[in-house]
Amino acid sequence: MVKDFNISYQYALALYYQNQLIKIKGANATALLCAPVKFETLPDLPASEIEVKNLKRVFEEKSVESKTMLMNEANESDVKAGGLSNYQYLHFATHGVVDALRPKRSRIYLGAGKSDDGALYSAEIYNLNLDASLVTLSACETGLGKLSKGEGIIGLSRALIYAGAKNLVVSLWSVSDNSTAELMMNFYTKINYNNYASSLRSAKLDMIASNDYAKPYYWAPFILIGR
C-alpha cells in the first residue's frame, strides 16, 4: 500500500476534517529537537544525538529556526518550562513506554531535572500547552495504548493531541536506533508542510529502496496521525 498511497490515521472523522482546515506553518517557524542520549536504567541511544544534529541542519536549510536539547539539557524540568507553545515542530528522540492497562502511566524518558524524575507521563502531557503543527516521538511503541470502545487508542498519542499537537509521528513497535535516525533524516529533508503523509511515505520508499533497511521492521512502525 505504501507504494501507491499516502497513509495517515485519525481518531475520528470529525478530527480528520478539522485538521484539513488548519494552516500549517513552514518557513519562519521554530523547532525544538530533544535527545537525552544517555539513560540510567535504559540502553543509551548514541544515534539519537547524530539524528538531532542532522535534523537541526535540515531545518536551518529550510529557514526554520531550531533549538537543540542534548544530554543533560534534555531534562524533564527544562522541557516543561521551555515554552513548548512557541514551537511548531517538536521532535523527541528518546525511549518511550506505553502502559496499556494504565494509560496515564505511559511515558517518554528525558533527563531528570531539578524537581522531576525524568519520566514525562501521559497524565503530565495532558497539561502541556502545545501549538505544534507536528510532534514526532522517535522512540519505541509510542503509538500504542489501551483500546477503549468509543474512544480509540488511549496513550501518549491521545495525550499529545489533547495538549494541542495537530499532527503526530509515532511508532507501533520497537525500532532500531540507526535506521530510525536515517528514516527521520529522510522524512524531514522531504517534508511537505501541507501533507506530512506524503513526506513520510517518500521517506519509507527510500528505506525500501536501500540495501540495509528495506525490511518492514525498519520503516513500517512509524505512522502519521493527522495529515
N, C-alpha and C. Protein backbone atom coordinates (compact mmCIF):
# COMPACT_ATOMS: atom_id res chain seq x y z
N MET A 1 0.82 -1.22 0.00
CA MET A 1 0.00 0.00 0.00
C MET A 1 0.85 1.27 0.00
N VAL A 2 1.98 1.24 0.71
CA VAL A 2 2.80 2.45 0.82
C VAL A 2 3.39 2.86 -0.54
N LYS A 3 3.49 1.91 -1.45
CA LYS A 3 4.00 2.24 -2.78
C LYS A 3 2.97 2.99 -3.63
N ASP A 4 1.71 2.92 -3.23
CA ASP A 4 0.64 3.51 -4.04
C ASP A 4 -0.12 4.64 -3.36
N PHE A 5 -0.06 4.71 -2.01
CA PHE A 5 -0.91 5.65 -1.30
C PHE A 5 -0.15 6.38 -0.19
N ASN A 6 -0.59 7.63 0.08
CA ASN A 6 -0.22 8.30 1.32
C ASN A 6 -1.16 7.78 2.40
N ILE A 7 -0.61 7.38 3.53
CA ILE A 7 -1.42 6.76 4.59
C ILE A 7 -1.31 7.58 5.86
N SER A 8 -2.46 7.91 6.44
CA SER A 8 -2.49 8.60 7.73
C SER A 8 -3.66 8.08 8.53
N TYR A 9 -3.67 8.41 9.82
CA TYR A 9 -4.68 7.92 10.74
C TYR A 9 -5.27 9.09 11.51
N GLN A 10 -6.46 8.87 12.09
CA GLN A 10 -7.06 9.86 12.95
C GLN A 10 -8.04 9.16 13.87
N TYR A 11 -8.32 9.78 15.01
CA TYR A 11 -9.19 9.15 16.00
C TYR A 11 -10.66 9.22 15.63
N ALA A 12 -11.04 10.19 14.84
CA ALA A 12 -12.44 10.35 14.46
C ALA A 12 -12.51 11.13 13.16
N LEU A 13 -13.58 10.91 12.40
CA LEU A 13 -13.74 11.59 11.12
C LEU A 13 -13.83 13.10 11.31
N ALA A 14 -14.48 13.53 12.39
CA ALA A 14 -14.60 14.96 12.66
C ALA A 14 -13.24 15.60 12.87
N LEU A 15 -12.33 14.90 13.56
CA LEU A 15 -10.99 15.41 13.78
C LEU A 15 -10.21 15.46 12.47
N TYR A 16 -10.47 14.51 11.60
CA TYR A 16 -9.79 14.50 10.29
C TYR A 16 -10.16 15.74 9.49
N TYR A 17 -11.45 16.04 9.41
CA TYR A 17 -11.88 17.21 8.63
C TYR A 17 -11.44 18.51 9.29
N GLN A 18 -11.46 18.54 10.61
CA GLN A 18 -11.00 19.73 11.33
C GLN A 18 -9.53 19.98 11.04
N ASN A 19 -8.74 18.90 10.97
CA ASN A 19 -7.32 19.02 10.71
C ASN A 19 -7.03 19.57 9.32
N GLN A 20 -7.92 19.31 8.35
CA GLN A 20 -7.72 19.79 7.00
C GLN A 20 -7.81 21.31 6.90
N LEU A 21 -8.48 21.93 7.88
CA LEU A 21 -8.69 23.37 7.84
C LEU A 21 -7.54 24.15 8.47
N ILE A 22 -6.63 23.43 9.14
CA ILE A 22 -5.53 24.09 9.84
C ILE A 22 -4.44 24.46 8.85
N LYS A 23 -4.04 25.70 8.87
CA LYS A 23 -2.94 26.15 8.02
C LYS A 23 -1.63 25.86 8.71
N ILE A 24 -0.82 25.03 8.09
CA ILE A 24 0.44 24.60 8.69
C ILE A 24 1.55 25.57 8.32
N LYS A 25 2.34 25.97 9.31
CA LYS A 25 3.42 26.92 9.09
C LYS A 25 4.65 26.21 8.55
N GLY A 26 5.35 26.84 7.64
CA GLY A 26 6.57 26.28 7.10
C GLY A 26 7.74 27.18 7.42
N ALA A 27 8.11 28.03 6.48
CA ALA A 27 9.22 28.95 6.71
C ALA A 27 8.92 29.89 7.87
N ASN A 28 9.98 30.28 8.57
CA ASN A 28 9.90 31.18 9.72
C ASN A 28 9.25 30.54 10.94
N ALA A 29 9.03 29.23 10.88
CA ALA A 29 8.54 28.52 12.05
C ALA A 29 9.73 28.18 12.95
N THR A 30 9.48 27.51 14.07
CA THR A 30 10.54 27.14 15.00
C THR A 30 10.41 25.69 15.39
N ALA A 31 11.54 25.06 15.72
CA ALA A 31 11.55 23.64 16.06
C ALA A 31 12.37 23.41 17.32
N LEU A 32 11.91 22.46 18.13
CA LEU A 32 12.64 22.02 19.32
C LEU A 32 13.02 20.56 19.11
N LEU A 33 14.32 20.27 19.18
CA LEU A 33 14.85 18.93 18.94
C LEU A 33 15.49 18.43 20.22
N CYS A 34 14.99 17.33 20.74
CA CYS A 34 15.35 16.89 22.09
C CYS A 34 15.85 15.45 22.08
N ALA A 35 17.02 15.21 22.69
CA ALA A 35 17.56 13.85 22.78
C ALA A 35 18.42 13.71 24.03
N PRO A 36 17.96 12.98 25.05
CA PRO A 36 18.77 12.78 26.26
C PRO A 36 20.03 11.94 26.00
N VAL A 37 19.95 11.00 25.05
CA VAL A 37 21.07 10.16 24.60
C VAL A 37 21.45 9.10 25.63
N LYS A 38 21.78 9.50 26.86
CA LYS A 38 22.21 8.56 27.89
C LYS A 38 21.14 8.42 28.97
N PHE A 39 20.99 7.18 29.47
CA PHE A 39 19.96 6.89 30.45
C PHE A 39 20.54 6.03 31.57
N GLU A 40 19.98 6.16 32.75
CA GLU A 40 20.49 5.42 33.91
C GLU A 40 20.06 3.96 33.88
N THR A 41 18.83 3.70 33.55
CA THR A 41 18.29 2.33 33.64
C THR A 41 17.88 1.75 32.29
N LEU A 42 18.10 2.48 31.20
CA LEU A 42 17.72 2.03 29.87
C LEU A 42 18.95 2.11 28.95
N PRO A 43 18.94 1.39 27.84
CA PRO A 43 20.08 1.46 26.92
C PRO A 43 20.27 2.86 26.37
N ASP A 44 21.52 3.26 26.22
CA ASP A 44 21.82 4.56 25.62
C ASP A 44 21.42 4.55 24.14
N LEU A 45 21.18 5.73 23.60
CA LEU A 45 20.78 5.88 22.19
C LEU A 45 21.78 6.82 21.50
N PRO A 46 22.98 6.34 21.20
CA PRO A 46 24.01 7.21 20.63
C PRO A 46 23.63 7.80 19.28
N ALA A 47 22.87 7.06 18.48
CA ALA A 47 22.48 7.57 17.16
C ALA A 47 21.49 8.72 17.26
N SER A 48 20.83 8.85 18.41
CA SER A 48 19.84 9.93 18.56
C SER A 48 20.52 11.30 18.58
N GLU A 49 21.77 11.36 19.07
CA GLU A 49 22.50 12.63 19.06
C GLU A 49 22.81 13.05 17.63
N ILE A 50 23.26 12.09 16.83
CA ILE A 50 23.52 12.37 15.41
C ILE A 50 22.23 12.76 14.71
N GLU A 51 21.16 12.06 15.05
CA GLU A 51 19.85 12.35 14.45
C GLU A 51 19.44 13.80 14.68
N VAL A 52 19.54 14.25 15.91
CA VAL A 52 19.12 15.61 16.25
C VAL A 52 20.02 16.66 15.59
N LYS A 53 21.33 16.42 15.60
CA LYS A 53 22.25 17.38 14.97
C LYS A 53 22.01 17.48 13.46
N ASN A 54 21.72 16.35 12.83
CA ASN A 54 21.42 16.37 11.40
C ASN A 54 20.10 17.07 11.12
N LEU A 55 19.12 16.86 11.98
CA LEU A 55 17.82 17.50 11.78
C LEU A 55 17.91 19.01 11.97
N LYS A 56 18.76 19.43 12.88
CA LYS A 56 18.95 20.88 13.06
C LYS A 56 19.45 21.50 11.76
N ARG A 57 20.39 20.83 11.12
CA ARG A 57 20.92 21.34 9.85
C ARG A 57 19.83 21.36 8.77
N VAL A 58 19.02 20.32 8.73
CA VAL A 58 17.93 20.26 7.74
C VAL A 58 16.94 21.39 7.95
N PHE A 59 16.54 21.62 9.19
CA PHE A 59 15.60 22.70 9.49
C PHE A 59 16.17 24.06 9.11
N GLU A 60 17.42 24.28 9.44
CA GLU A 60 18.03 25.57 9.14
C GLU A 60 18.12 25.80 7.63
N GLU A 61 18.34 24.74 6.86
CA GLU A 61 18.35 24.87 5.41
C GLU A 61 16.98 25.23 4.86
N LYS A 62 15.93 24.93 5.64
CA LYS A 62 14.57 25.26 5.24
C LYS A 62 14.08 26.54 5.91
N SER A 63 15.00 27.32 6.46
CA SER A 63 14.70 28.60 7.12
C SER A 63 13.80 28.42 8.34
N VAL A 64 13.93 27.27 9.00
CA VAL A 64 13.21 27.01 10.24
C VAL A 64 14.19 27.09 11.40
N GLU A 65 14.02 28.09 12.25
CA GLU A 65 14.90 28.25 13.41
C GLU A 65 14.71 27.07 14.37
N SER A 66 15.81 26.49 14.85
CA SER A 66 15.69 25.31 15.70
C SER A 66 16.54 25.43 16.95
N LYS A 67 16.08 24.78 18.00
CA LYS A 67 16.80 24.71 19.26
C LYS A 67 17.01 23.24 19.60
N THR A 68 18.22 22.88 20.00
CA THR A 68 18.50 21.51 20.39
C THR A 68 18.68 21.41 21.91
N MET A 69 18.20 20.31 22.45
CA MET A 69 18.41 19.98 23.86
C MET A 69 19.01 18.58 23.88
N LEU A 70 20.31 18.50 24.20
CA LEU A 70 21.02 17.24 24.19
C LEU A 70 21.58 16.91 25.57
N MET A 71 21.73 15.62 25.81
CA MET A 71 22.32 15.13 27.05
C MET A 71 21.57 15.71 28.26
N ASN A 72 22.31 16.33 29.16
CA ASN A 72 21.71 16.85 30.39
C ASN A 72 20.72 17.99 30.15
N GLU A 73 20.87 18.67 29.02
CA GLU A 73 19.94 19.76 28.71
C GLU A 73 18.54 19.23 28.41
N ALA A 74 18.47 17.98 27.98
CA ALA A 74 17.18 17.38 27.63
C ALA A 74 16.54 16.77 28.86
N ASN A 75 16.34 17.60 29.87
CA ASN A 75 15.75 17.10 31.12
C ASN A 75 14.29 17.53 31.22
N GLU A 76 13.56 16.79 32.02
CA GLU A 76 12.12 16.99 32.12
C GLU A 76 11.76 18.40 32.59
N SER A 77 12.46 18.91 33.57
CA SER A 77 12.13 20.22 34.13
C SER A 77 12.24 21.31 33.08
N ASP A 78 13.35 21.30 32.33
CA ASP A 78 13.56 22.35 31.32
C ASP A 78 12.62 22.19 30.13
N VAL A 79 12.30 20.96 29.76
CA VAL A 79 11.35 20.75 28.66
C VAL A 79 9.99 21.31 29.03
N LYS A 80 9.54 21.03 30.22
CA LYS A 80 8.21 21.51 30.64
C LYS A 80 8.19 23.01 30.87
N ALA A 81 9.35 23.59 31.18
CA ALA A 81 9.40 25.04 31.45
C ALA A 81 9.90 25.83 30.25
N GLY A 82 10.09 25.14 29.11
CA GLY A 82 10.76 25.77 27.98
C GLY A 82 9.87 26.43 26.97
N GLY A 83 8.62 26.74 27.33
CA GLY A 83 7.73 27.42 26.40
C GLY A 83 7.42 26.59 25.17
N LEU A 84 6.94 25.38 25.37
CA LEU A 84 6.67 24.47 24.26
C LEU A 84 5.68 25.04 23.26
N SER A 85 4.82 25.93 23.71
CA SER A 85 3.81 26.51 22.81
C SER A 85 4.45 27.40 21.75
N ASN A 86 5.72 27.75 21.92
CA ASN A 86 6.40 28.61 20.95
C ASN A 86 6.94 27.85 19.75
N TYR A 87 6.87 26.52 19.79
CA TYR A 87 7.46 25.71 18.73
C TYR A 87 6.37 25.05 17.89
N GLN A 88 6.57 25.14 16.57
CA GLN A 88 5.64 24.47 15.65
C GLN A 88 6.04 23.02 15.41
N TYR A 89 7.30 22.69 15.69
CA TYR A 89 7.79 21.33 15.47
C TYR A 89 8.53 20.86 16.71
N LEU A 90 8.09 19.73 17.24
CA LEU A 90 8.71 19.15 18.42
C LEU A 90 9.17 17.74 18.06
N HIS A 91 10.43 17.46 18.30
CA HIS A 91 10.99 16.16 17.96
C HIS A 91 11.69 15.59 19.19
N PHE A 92 11.24 14.43 19.65
CA PHE A 92 11.81 13.77 20.82
C PHE A 92 12.43 12.45 20.39
N ALA A 93 13.75 12.36 20.44
CA ALA A 93 14.47 11.13 20.11
C ALA A 93 14.90 10.49 21.43
N THR A 94 14.11 9.55 21.90
CA THR A 94 14.32 9.02 23.24
C THR A 94 13.61 7.69 23.39
N HIS A 95 13.55 7.17 24.60
CA HIS A 95 12.80 5.96 24.88
C HIS A 95 11.35 6.32 25.24
N GLY A 96 10.45 5.42 24.92
CA GLY A 96 9.05 5.58 25.30
C GLY A 96 8.51 4.27 25.84
N VAL A 97 7.61 4.36 26.79
CA VAL A 97 6.96 3.17 27.36
C VAL A 97 5.47 3.43 27.41
N VAL A 98 4.70 2.48 26.87
CA VAL A 98 3.24 2.59 26.90
C VAL A 98 2.68 1.55 27.85
N ASP A 99 1.88 1.97 28.79
CA ASP A 99 1.22 1.09 29.75
C ASP A 99 -0.24 0.93 29.30
N ALA A 100 -0.55 -0.20 28.66
CA ALA A 100 -1.89 -0.41 28.12
C ALA A 100 -2.94 -0.56 29.20
N LEU A 101 -2.55 -1.03 30.38
CA LEU A 101 -3.51 -1.21 31.47
C LEU A 101 -3.77 0.10 32.20
N ARG A 102 -2.75 0.93 32.31
CA ARG A 102 -2.88 2.23 32.98
C ARG A 102 -2.32 3.31 32.05
N PRO A 103 -3.12 3.76 31.09
CA PRO A 103 -2.63 4.68 30.06
C PRO A 103 -1.97 5.94 30.61
N LYS A 104 -2.41 6.43 31.76
CA LYS A 104 -1.81 7.64 32.31
C LYS A 104 -0.38 7.41 32.80
N ARG A 105 0.02 6.14 32.89
CA ARG A 105 1.39 5.83 33.30
C ARG A 105 2.31 5.67 32.09
N SER A 106 1.77 5.76 30.89
CA SER A 106 2.62 5.76 29.69
C SER A 106 3.53 6.98 29.76
N ARG A 107 4.75 6.87 29.20
CA ARG A 107 5.71 7.95 29.41
C ARG A 107 6.79 7.96 28.34
N ILE A 108 7.38 9.12 28.18
CA ILE A 108 8.61 9.23 27.40
C ILE A 108 9.71 9.66 28.37
N TYR A 109 10.93 9.18 28.11
CA TYR A 109 12.02 9.40 29.05
C TYR A 109 12.88 10.59 28.64
N LEU A 110 13.11 11.47 29.61
CA LEU A 110 14.00 12.61 29.47
C LEU A 110 15.02 12.52 30.59
N GLY A 111 15.88 13.50 30.70
CA GLY A 111 16.79 13.53 31.82
C GLY A 111 16.07 13.99 33.08
N ALA A 112 16.57 13.59 34.23
CA ALA A 112 15.98 14.03 35.49
C ALA A 112 16.32 15.50 35.71
N GLY A 113 15.31 16.30 36.05
CA GLY A 113 15.54 17.73 36.30
C GLY A 113 15.67 18.02 37.77
N LYS A 114 15.59 19.29 38.10
CA LYS A 114 15.76 19.70 39.49
C LYS A 114 14.68 19.12 40.40
N SER A 115 13.46 19.02 39.87
CA SER A 115 12.37 18.54 40.71
C SER A 115 11.56 17.44 40.03
N ASP A 116 12.13 16.81 38.98
CA ASP A 116 11.42 15.78 38.24
C ASP A 116 12.27 14.53 38.12
N ASP A 117 11.59 13.39 37.88
CA ASP A 117 12.28 12.11 37.82
C ASP A 117 12.77 11.76 36.42
N GLY A 118 12.44 12.58 35.41
CA GLY A 118 12.87 12.30 34.05
C GLY A 118 11.87 11.53 33.23
N ALA A 119 10.79 11.06 33.84
CA ALA A 119 9.74 10.35 33.12
C ALA A 119 8.57 11.31 32.90
N LEU A 120 8.33 11.69 31.64
CA LEU A 120 7.23 12.58 31.30
C LEU A 120 6.00 11.71 31.03
N TYR A 121 5.14 11.61 32.02
CA TYR A 121 3.99 10.71 31.95
C TYR A 121 2.86 11.30 31.10
N SER A 122 2.06 10.39 30.57
CA SER A 122 0.91 10.79 29.76
C SER A 122 0.01 11.75 30.54
N ALA A 123 -0.17 11.49 31.81
CA ALA A 123 -1.00 12.37 32.63
C ALA A 123 -0.43 13.78 32.70
N GLU A 124 0.89 13.91 32.65
CA GLU A 124 1.53 15.24 32.63
C GLU A 124 1.43 15.89 31.26
N ILE A 125 1.50 15.08 30.21
CA ILE A 125 1.42 15.61 28.85
C ILE A 125 0.09 16.30 28.61
N TYR A 126 -0.98 15.78 29.19
CA TYR A 126 -2.30 16.40 29.04
C TYR A 126 -2.28 17.86 29.48
N ASN A 127 -1.41 18.19 30.42
CA ASN A 127 -1.38 19.55 30.97
C ASN A 127 -0.41 20.47 30.23
N LEU A 128 0.29 19.95 29.22
CA LEU A 128 1.19 20.80 28.44
C LEU A 128 0.37 21.69 27.52
N ASN A 129 0.89 22.87 27.26
CA ASN A 129 0.23 23.81 26.34
C ASN A 129 1.00 23.84 25.03
N LEU A 130 0.53 23.04 24.06
CA LEU A 130 1.22 22.92 22.78
C LEU A 130 0.46 23.67 21.69
N ASP A 131 1.22 24.11 20.71
CA ASP A 131 0.62 24.69 19.50
C ASP A 131 1.45 24.21 18.32
N ALA A 132 1.70 22.90 18.30
CA ALA A 132 2.64 22.32 17.35
C ALA A 132 1.93 21.78 16.12
N SER A 133 2.47 22.13 14.95
CA SER A 133 1.98 21.55 13.71
C SER A 133 2.33 20.07 13.65
N LEU A 134 3.49 19.71 14.22
CA LEU A 134 3.94 18.32 14.18
C LEU A 134 4.73 17.99 15.43
N VAL A 135 4.38 16.86 16.05
CA VAL A 135 5.17 16.31 17.15
C VAL A 135 5.62 14.92 16.72
N THR A 136 6.92 14.67 16.79
CA THR A 136 7.46 13.36 16.43
C THR A 136 8.06 12.71 17.67
N LEU A 137 7.60 11.49 17.96
CA LEU A 137 8.18 10.69 19.03
C LEU A 137 9.03 9.61 18.38
N SER A 138 10.30 9.90 18.24
CA SER A 138 11.24 8.98 17.59
C SER A 138 11.69 7.97 18.63
N ALA A 139 10.77 7.09 19.02
CA ALA A 139 11.01 6.14 20.10
C ALA A 139 10.18 4.89 19.84
N CYS A 140 10.34 3.91 20.69
CA CYS A 140 9.68 2.61 20.50
C CYS A 140 8.23 2.62 21.00
N GLU A 141 7.32 2.08 20.19
CA GLU A 141 5.95 1.76 20.61
C GLU A 141 5.17 2.95 21.13
N THR A 142 5.48 4.14 20.67
CA THR A 142 4.81 5.34 21.20
C THR A 142 3.40 5.51 20.67
N GLY A 143 3.03 4.74 19.64
CA GLY A 143 1.68 4.84 19.10
C GLY A 143 0.71 3.84 19.69
N LEU A 144 1.18 3.02 20.63
CA LEU A 144 0.31 2.02 21.23
C LEU A 144 -0.47 2.62 22.40
N GLY A 145 -1.33 1.81 22.99
CA GLY A 145 -2.12 2.28 24.13
C GLY A 145 -3.25 1.32 24.42
N LYS A 146 -4.17 1.77 25.24
CA LYS A 146 -5.33 0.97 25.61
C LYS A 146 -6.46 1.24 24.63
N LEU A 147 -7.01 0.16 24.06
CA LEU A 147 -8.14 0.30 23.14
C LEU A 147 -9.42 0.41 23.95
N SER A 148 -10.08 1.56 23.85
CA SER A 148 -11.31 1.82 24.61
C SER A 148 -12.48 2.00 23.64
N LYS A 149 -13.55 1.29 23.85
CA LYS A 149 -14.71 1.35 22.96
C LYS A 149 -15.26 2.78 22.91
N GLY A 150 -15.41 3.29 21.70
CA GLY A 150 -15.92 4.64 21.52
C GLY A 150 -14.88 5.73 21.67
N GLU A 151 -13.66 5.35 22.10
CA GLU A 151 -12.61 6.33 22.34
C GLU A 151 -11.38 6.11 21.46
N GLY A 152 -11.18 4.84 21.03
CA GLY A 152 -9.99 4.52 20.27
C GLY A 152 -8.82 4.20 21.18
N ILE A 153 -7.62 4.48 20.72
CA ILE A 153 -6.41 4.17 21.48
C ILE A 153 -6.12 5.30 22.46
N ILE A 154 -6.01 4.94 23.74
CA ILE A 154 -5.69 5.93 24.78
C ILE A 154 -4.25 5.70 25.22
N GLY A 155 -3.40 6.69 24.98
CA GLY A 155 -1.99 6.58 25.34
C GLY A 155 -1.29 7.90 25.11
N LEU A 156 -0.03 7.84 24.73
CA LEU A 156 0.74 9.06 24.51
C LEU A 156 0.19 9.90 23.36
N SER A 157 -0.28 9.24 22.31
CA SER A 157 -0.81 9.97 21.15
C SER A 157 -2.01 10.80 21.53
N ARG A 158 -2.95 10.19 22.26
CA ARG A 158 -4.15 10.91 22.66
C ARG A 158 -3.79 12.09 23.56
N ALA A 159 -2.84 11.90 24.46
CA ALA A 159 -2.44 12.97 25.37
C ALA A 159 -1.85 14.15 24.60
N LEU A 160 -1.02 13.88 23.59
CA LEU A 160 -0.39 14.95 22.82
C LEU A 160 -1.41 15.71 21.99
N ILE A 161 -2.37 15.02 21.41
CA ILE A 161 -3.42 15.69 20.65
C ILE A 161 -4.25 16.57 21.57
N TYR A 162 -4.58 16.06 22.74
CA TYR A 162 -5.34 16.84 23.71
C TYR A 162 -4.56 18.09 24.13
N ALA A 163 -3.24 17.96 24.22
CA ALA A 163 -2.39 19.09 24.66
C ALA A 163 -2.21 20.14 23.57
N GLY A 164 -2.59 19.79 22.31
CA GLY A 164 -2.53 20.81 21.26
C GLY A 164 -1.73 20.44 20.02
N ALA A 165 -1.22 19.20 19.93
CA ALA A 165 -0.50 18.78 18.73
C ALA A 165 -1.49 18.56 17.58
N LYS A 166 -1.15 19.08 16.40
CA LYS A 166 -2.03 18.94 15.24
C LYS A 166 -1.76 17.64 14.48
N ASN A 167 -0.51 17.23 14.44
CA ASN A 167 -0.10 16.02 13.73
C ASN A 167 0.97 15.32 14.54
N LEU A 168 0.98 13.99 14.47
CA LEU A 168 1.95 13.19 15.22
C LEU A 168 2.60 12.15 14.32
N VAL A 169 3.87 11.89 14.57
CA VAL A 169 4.54 10.71 14.04
C VAL A 169 4.94 9.87 15.23
N VAL A 170 4.42 8.64 15.28
CA VAL A 170 4.68 7.73 16.41
C VAL A 170 4.99 6.34 15.85
N SER A 171 5.41 5.44 16.72
CA SER A 171 5.79 4.10 16.28
C SER A 171 4.92 3.03 16.93
N LEU A 172 4.84 1.88 16.27
CA LEU A 172 3.97 0.80 16.72
C LEU A 172 4.74 -0.39 17.31
N TRP A 173 6.05 -0.41 17.15
CA TRP A 173 6.84 -1.46 17.79
C TRP A 173 8.26 -0.97 18.02
N SER A 174 9.07 -1.82 18.66
CA SER A 174 10.45 -1.46 18.98
C SER A 174 11.21 -1.19 17.69
N VAL A 175 12.01 -0.14 17.71
CA VAL A 175 12.69 0.30 16.49
C VAL A 175 14.20 0.29 16.67
N SER A 176 14.89 0.22 15.56
CA SER A 176 16.35 0.27 15.54
C SER A 176 16.83 1.71 15.65
N ASP A 177 17.82 1.93 16.48
CA ASP A 177 18.36 3.28 16.70
C ASP A 177 18.89 3.88 15.40
N ASN A 178 19.69 3.14 14.66
CA ASN A 178 20.33 3.67 13.46
C ASN A 178 19.35 3.86 12.31
N SER A 179 18.47 2.88 12.09
CA SER A 179 17.51 3.01 10.98
C SER A 179 16.52 4.12 11.24
N THR A 180 16.16 4.33 12.51
CA THR A 180 15.24 5.41 12.85
C THR A 180 15.86 6.76 12.53
N ALA A 181 17.14 6.91 12.84
CA ALA A 181 17.84 8.17 12.53
C ALA A 181 17.81 8.44 11.04
N GLU A 182 18.01 7.40 10.24
CA GLU A 182 18.00 7.59 8.78
C GLU A 182 16.60 7.91 8.28
N LEU A 183 15.60 7.22 8.80
CA LEU A 183 14.22 7.49 8.38
C LEU A 183 13.82 8.92 8.69
N MET A 184 14.18 9.39 9.89
CA MET A 184 13.82 10.75 10.29
C MET A 184 14.53 11.79 9.43
N MET A 185 15.77 11.51 9.10
CA MET A 185 16.52 12.42 8.22
C MET A 185 15.83 12.52 6.86
N ASN A 186 15.44 11.38 6.31
CA ASN A 186 14.73 11.37 5.02
C ASN A 186 13.40 12.10 5.12
N PHE A 187 12.68 11.87 6.21
CA PHE A 187 11.36 12.47 6.40
C PHE A 187 11.43 13.99 6.44
N TYR A 188 12.32 14.52 7.25
CA TYR A 188 12.39 15.98 7.39
C TYR A 188 13.02 16.64 6.17
N THR A 189 13.91 15.95 5.50
CA THR A 189 14.50 16.50 4.28
C THR A 189 13.44 16.68 3.20
N LYS A 190 12.48 15.73 3.15
CA LYS A 190 11.45 15.76 2.11
C LYS A 190 10.15 16.40 2.60
N ILE A 191 10.17 17.02 3.75
CA ILE A 191 8.92 17.42 4.40
C ILE A 191 8.08 18.37 3.55
N ASN A 192 6.81 18.04 3.47
CA ASN A 192 5.81 18.88 2.81
C ASN A 192 4.90 19.39 3.92
N TYR A 193 4.97 20.67 4.23
CA TYR A 193 4.27 21.20 5.40
C TYR A 193 2.76 21.08 5.30
N ASN A 194 2.23 20.87 4.09
CA ASN A 194 0.78 20.73 3.92
C ASN A 194 0.36 19.28 3.72
N ASN A 195 1.32 18.37 3.75
CA ASN A 195 0.98 16.95 3.58
C ASN A 195 2.10 16.10 4.17
N TYR A 196 2.07 15.94 5.49
CA TYR A 196 3.09 15.15 6.15
C TYR A 196 3.03 13.69 5.72
N ALA A 197 1.84 13.21 5.35
CA ALA A 197 1.69 11.81 4.94
C ALA A 197 2.54 11.52 3.70
N SER A 198 2.57 12.44 2.76
CA SER A 198 3.37 12.23 1.56
C SER A 198 4.86 12.24 1.89
N SER A 199 5.25 13.07 2.87
CA SER A 199 6.66 13.12 3.27
C SER A 199 7.09 11.82 3.92
N LEU A 200 6.25 11.28 4.79
CA LEU A 200 6.58 10.03 5.47
C LEU A 200 6.62 8.87 4.47
N ARG A 201 5.67 8.87 3.55
CA ARG A 201 5.66 7.83 2.51
C ARG A 201 6.95 7.88 1.69
N SER A 202 7.36 9.06 1.29
CA SER A 202 8.57 9.21 0.48
C SER A 202 9.80 8.71 1.24
N ALA A 203 9.85 9.01 2.55
CA ALA A 203 10.97 8.55 3.37
C ALA A 203 10.98 7.03 3.47
N LYS A 204 9.81 6.43 3.59
CA LYS A 204 9.72 4.97 3.66
C LYS A 204 10.14 4.33 2.35
N LEU A 205 9.77 4.93 1.24
CA LEU A 205 10.16 4.39 -0.06
C LEU A 205 11.67 4.41 -0.25
N ASP A 206 12.31 5.44 0.29
CA ASP A 206 13.78 5.49 0.26
C ASP A 206 14.37 4.33 1.05
N MET A 207 13.76 4.02 2.19
CA MET A 207 14.24 2.91 3.01
C MET A 207 14.05 1.58 2.27
N ILE A 208 12.90 1.42 1.63
CA ILE A 208 12.61 0.19 0.90
C ILE A 208 13.63 -0.01 -0.23
N ALA A 209 14.05 1.09 -0.84
CA ALA A 209 14.99 1.02 -1.95
C ALA A 209 16.44 0.83 -1.50
N SER A 210 16.68 0.94 -0.19
CA SER A 210 18.04 0.81 0.32
C SER A 210 18.43 -0.65 0.50
N ASN A 211 19.71 -0.91 0.68
CA ASN A 211 20.19 -2.27 0.90
C ASN A 211 20.07 -2.69 2.36
N ASP A 212 20.21 -1.73 3.26
CA ASP A 212 20.29 -2.06 4.68
C ASP A 212 18.95 -2.10 5.41
N TYR A 213 18.00 -1.26 4.98
CA TYR A 213 16.78 -1.08 5.76
C TYR A 213 15.51 -1.31 4.95
N ALA A 214 15.55 -2.24 4.02
CA ALA A 214 14.40 -2.48 3.14
C ALA A 214 13.28 -3.26 3.84
N LYS A 215 13.62 -4.03 4.86
CA LYS A 215 12.61 -4.86 5.52
C LYS A 215 11.62 -3.97 6.31
N PRO A 216 10.34 -4.37 6.33
CA PRO A 216 9.32 -3.56 7.02
C PRO A 216 9.64 -3.29 8.49
N TYR A 217 10.41 -4.16 9.12
CA TYR A 217 10.77 -3.94 10.52
C TYR A 217 11.34 -2.54 10.73
N TYR A 218 12.10 -2.05 9.76
CA TYR A 218 12.82 -0.79 9.92
C TYR A 218 11.96 0.44 9.64
N TRP A 219 11.04 0.36 8.66
CA TRP A 219 10.32 1.56 8.23
C TRP A 219 8.82 1.55 8.55
N ALA A 220 8.25 0.36 8.67
CA ALA A 220 6.80 0.27 8.82
C ALA A 220 6.24 0.71 10.18
N PRO A 221 7.01 0.67 11.28
CA PRO A 221 6.41 1.01 12.57
C PRO A 221 5.96 2.46 12.69
N PHE A 222 6.56 3.36 11.94
CA PHE A 222 6.22 4.77 12.10
C PHE A 222 5.00 5.15 11.27
N ILE A 223 4.03 5.74 11.92
CA ILE A 223 2.79 6.14 11.27
C ILE A 223 2.51 7.61 11.57
N LEU A 224 1.69 8.19 10.73
CA LEU A 224 1.27 9.58 10.93
C LEU A 224 -0.16 9.62 11.42
N ILE A 225 -0.38 10.34 12.50
CA ILE A 225 -1.73 10.64 12.97
C ILE A 225 -1.98 12.11 12.62
N GLY A 226 -2.83 12.33 11.64
CA GLY A 226 -3.07 13.70 11.16
C GLY A 226 -3.23 13.72 9.66
N ARG A 227 -2.38 14.50 8.98
CA ARG A 227 -2.49 14.57 7.51
C ARG A 227 -1.13 14.68 6.83
